[in-house]
Amino acid sequence: MRLFHFIFFAGIFFLSLQVLAQAPKTMPSFTFDEVYQVGKFSSDKLPKTGFIVLDFYDPGCGHCQKMGAGIARNLTELKQVNFYFISMNDKPYVDGFINMYAKSLKNASNVKFLFDPGTQFIEKFRPGNYPSLYIYDAKTKVLIQHLDGEDDINKLLSIVAAKK
């Protein structure tokens, strides 16, 4: 009987973690440091048309590297998407990520790299895995889809294509 109670309460605990980890349906406001420019970038500077993808990533994460490379290869197909790559790592790690996996992202007009020096992103967006991509409608700032731990660029491409 004790084992049953333990399993029951453990299951409830893990289910409640899933509920707490749900992505926000409406984009919360935020301010992060810019990686390649001096200053801050806040959510009030986001575009009002197309799609916004917030990509919370770790430069050393294999899934993040694969998704970053996929985005870099498909920038032409994703021209209506504005990407914001957000990391808690310093600029040298971001440089390494770009140079090794996604060179075309650095000078792309629809891509920005941001730095979260604290835990703001985690507190506001509640990611579960790396990479954690949040796809928002730019006009309404309403969540279209959240991809957590996903490295298949085709999933991102199909979501964007379906919402055009």
Protein backbone atom coordinates (compact mmCIF):
# COMPACT_ATOMS: atom_id res chain seq x y z
CA MET A 1 0.00 0.00 0.00
CA ARG A 2 2.87 2.39 0.76
CA LEU A 3 4.31 1.76 -2.67
CA PHE A 4 0.96 2.62 -4.24
CA HIS A 5 0.80 5.89 -2.29
CA PHE A 6 4.36 6.75 -3.26
CA ILE A 7 3.70 6.07 -6.93
CA PHE A 8 0.43 8.01 -6.81
CA PHE A 9 1.94 11.10 -5.20
CA ALA A 10 5.03 10.95 -7.40
CA GLY A 11 2.77 10.88 -10.45
CA ILE A 12 0.78 13.87 -9.19
CA PHE A 13 4.04 15.73 -8.52
CA PHE A 14 5.40 15.13 -12.03
CA LEU A 15 2.07 16.04 -13.65
CA SER A 16 2.01 19.31 -11.70
CA LEU A 17 5.51 20.10 -12.98
CA GLN A 18 4.19 19.81 -16.54
CA VAL A 19 1.38 22.26 -15.77
CA LEU A 20 3.82 24.75 -14.23
CA ALA A 21 6.15 24.44 -17.23
CA GLN A 22 3.54 25.49 -19.78
CA ALA A 23 4.57 28.25 -22.14
CA PRO A 24 2.86 31.62 -21.69
CA LYS A 25 -0.03 32.03 -24.14
CA THR A 26 0.68 35.75 -24.50
CA MET A 27 4.24 36.98 -24.77
CA PRO A 28 5.40 38.51 -21.49
CA SER A 29 7.42 41.72 -21.56
CA PHE A 30 11.19 41.36 -21.29
CA THR A 31 14.49 43.20 -21.54
CA PHE A 32 17.78 41.49 -22.39
CA ASP A 33 21.27 42.66 -23.27
CA GLU A 34 22.20 42.74 -26.94
CA VAL A 35 25.17 40.52 -27.80
CA TYR A 36 26.43 42.33 -30.92
CA GLN A 37 25.34 45.87 -30.11
CA VAL A 38 25.70 47.99 -27.00
CA GLY A 39 22.51 48.35 -25.05
CA LYS A 40 19.32 46.59 -24.15
CA PHE A 41 16.63 45.00 -26.28
CA SER A 42 13.11 45.01 -24.92
CA SER A 43 9.92 43.38 -26.09
CA ASP A 44 8.47 46.76 -27.08
CA LYS A 45 10.99 46.81 -29.96
CA LEU A 46 9.57 43.61 -31.50
CA PRO A 47 8.07 43.78 -35.01
CA LYS A 48 4.31 43.99 -35.52
CA THR A 49 4.07 41.74 -38.61
CA GLY A 50 5.02 38.16 -39.42
CA PHE A 51 6.21 35.75 -36.78
CA ILE A 52 8.49 36.05 -33.78
CA VAL A 53 10.55 33.08 -32.65
CA LEU A 54 12.27 33.27 -29.30
CA ASP A 55 14.93 30.55 -29.25
CA PHE A 56 16.26 29.92 -25.75
CA TYR A 57 19.43 27.93 -26.34
CA ASP A 58 22.77 26.87 -24.93
CA PRO A 59 25.70 27.19 -27.37
CA GLY A 60 27.12 23.83 -26.23
CA CYS A 61 23.86 21.91 -26.62
CA GLY A 62 23.80 19.48 -29.56
CA HIS A 63 20.06 19.91 -30.18
CA CYS A 64 20.51 23.71 -30.14
CA GLN A 65 23.37 23.45 -32.62
CA LYS A 66 21.29 21.30 -34.95
CA MET A 67 18.29 23.65 -34.80
CA GLY A 68 20.53 26.72 -35.25
CA ALA A 69 22.14 25.14 -38.30
CA GLY A 70 18.69 24.27 -39.67
CA ILE A 71 17.48 27.82 -39.25
CA ALA A 72 20.66 29.13 -40.92
CA ARG A 73 20.13 26.81 -43.93
CA ASN A 74 16.50 27.88 -44.30
CA LEU A 75 16.67 31.66 -43.79
CA THR A 76 15.20 32.31 -47.24
CA GLU A 77 12.10 30.23 -46.44
CA LEU A 78 11.89 31.92 -43.03
CA LYS A 79 12.14 35.54 -44.14
CA GLN A 80 8.78 36.42 -42.54
CA VAL A 81 10.12 35.19 -39.17
CA ASN A 82 12.16 37.35 -36.80
CA PHE A 83 14.45 35.21 -34.66
CA TYR A 84 15.70 36.15 -31.22
CA PHE A 85 18.34 33.73 -29.96
CA ILE A 86 18.52 34.11 -26.18
CA SER A 87 21.33 32.58 -24.16
CA MET A 88 22.68 32.82 -20.63
CA ASN A 89 26.21 32.38 -22.03
CA ASP A 90 28.75 35.10 -22.68
CA LYS A 91 29.65 36.43 -26.15
CA PRO A 92 32.67 34.11 -26.76
CA TYR A 93 30.35 31.08 -26.48
CA VAL A 94 27.78 32.70 -28.78
CA ASP A 95 30.57 33.46 -31.28
CA GLY A 96 31.65 29.81 -31.17
CA PHE A 97 28.08 28.63 -31.75
CA ILE A 98 27.65 30.91 -34.76
CA ASN A 99 31.07 30.23 -36.29
CA MET A 100 30.79 26.46 -35.99
CA TYR A 101 27.10 25.85 -36.78
CA ALA A 102 25.26 28.87 -38.13
CA LYS A 103 27.48 31.48 -39.79
CA SER A 104 24.71 33.00 -41.90
CA LEU A 105 22.74 33.95 -38.79
CA LYS A 106 25.23 36.59 -37.63
CA ASN A 107 24.52 39.11 -40.40
CA ALA A 108 20.91 38.16 -41.13
CA SER A 109 18.53 41.12 -40.85
CA ASN A 110 15.84 39.00 -39.18
CA VAL A 111 18.11 37.50 -36.48
CA LYS A 112 19.23 39.01 -33.18
CA PHE A 113 21.33 37.48 -30.42
CA LEU A 114 20.41 38.41 -26.86
CA PHE A 115 21.96 37.69 -23.47
CA ASP A 116 20.02 37.00 -20.29
CA PRO A 117 22.44 37.75 -17.45
CA GLY A 118 20.03 36.43 -14.83
CA THR A 119 17.04 34.12 -14.85
CA GLN A 120 14.44 36.40 -16.44
CA PHE A 121 13.77 34.15 -19.43
CA ILE A 122 13.39 31.03 -17.29
CA GLU A 123 11.06 32.79 -14.86
CA LYS A 124 8.83 34.31 -17.54
CA PHE A 125 8.77 31.59 -20.21
CA ARG A 126 9.39 28.41 -18.14
CA PRO A 127 11.40 26.36 -20.68
CA GLY A 128 11.79 22.67 -20.00
CA ASN A 129 14.64 21.75 -22.35
CA TYR A 130 17.16 23.24 -24.74
CA PRO A 131 16.41 24.51 -27.28
CA SER A 132 13.08 25.96 -26.30
CA LEU A 133 11.41 27.78 -29.21
CA TYR A 134 8.39 30.00 -28.71
CA ILE A 135 6.60 30.91 -31.94
CA TYR A 136 4.41 33.98 -31.59
CA ASP A 137 2.19 35.93 -33.95
CA ALA A 138 3.94 39.31 -34.19
CA LYS A 139 0.72 41.33 -34.40
CA THR A 140 -1.12 39.80 -31.43
CA LYS A 141 1.86 38.43 -29.44
CA VAL A 142 -0.19 35.24 -28.96
CA LEU A 143 1.64 31.91 -28.80
CA ILE A 144 1.23 29.79 -31.92
CA GLN A 145 3.39 26.86 -30.82
CA HIS A 146 6.06 25.97 -28.27
CA LEU A 147 8.75 23.49 -29.28
CA ASP A 148 10.69 22.24 -26.26
CA GLY A 149 13.87 20.26 -26.84
CA GLU A 150 13.14 20.02 -30.57
CA ASP A 151 15.99 19.94 -33.09
CA ASP A 152 14.06 19.15 -36.30
CA ILE A 153 13.90 22.27 -38.47
CA ASN A 154 11.08 20.67 -40.49
CA LYS A 155 8.71 21.05 -37.54
CA LEU A 156 9.40 24.77 -37.38
CA LEU A 157 9.06 25.09 -41.17
CA SER A 158 5.70 23.28 -41.16
CA ILE A 159 4.30 25.44 -38.34
CA VAL A 160 5.27 28.65 -40.12
CA ALA A 161 3.97 27.38 -43.49
CA ALA A 162 0.63 26.38 -41.96
CA LYS A 163 0.13 29.86 -40.45
CA LYS A 164 1.01 31.94 -43.55
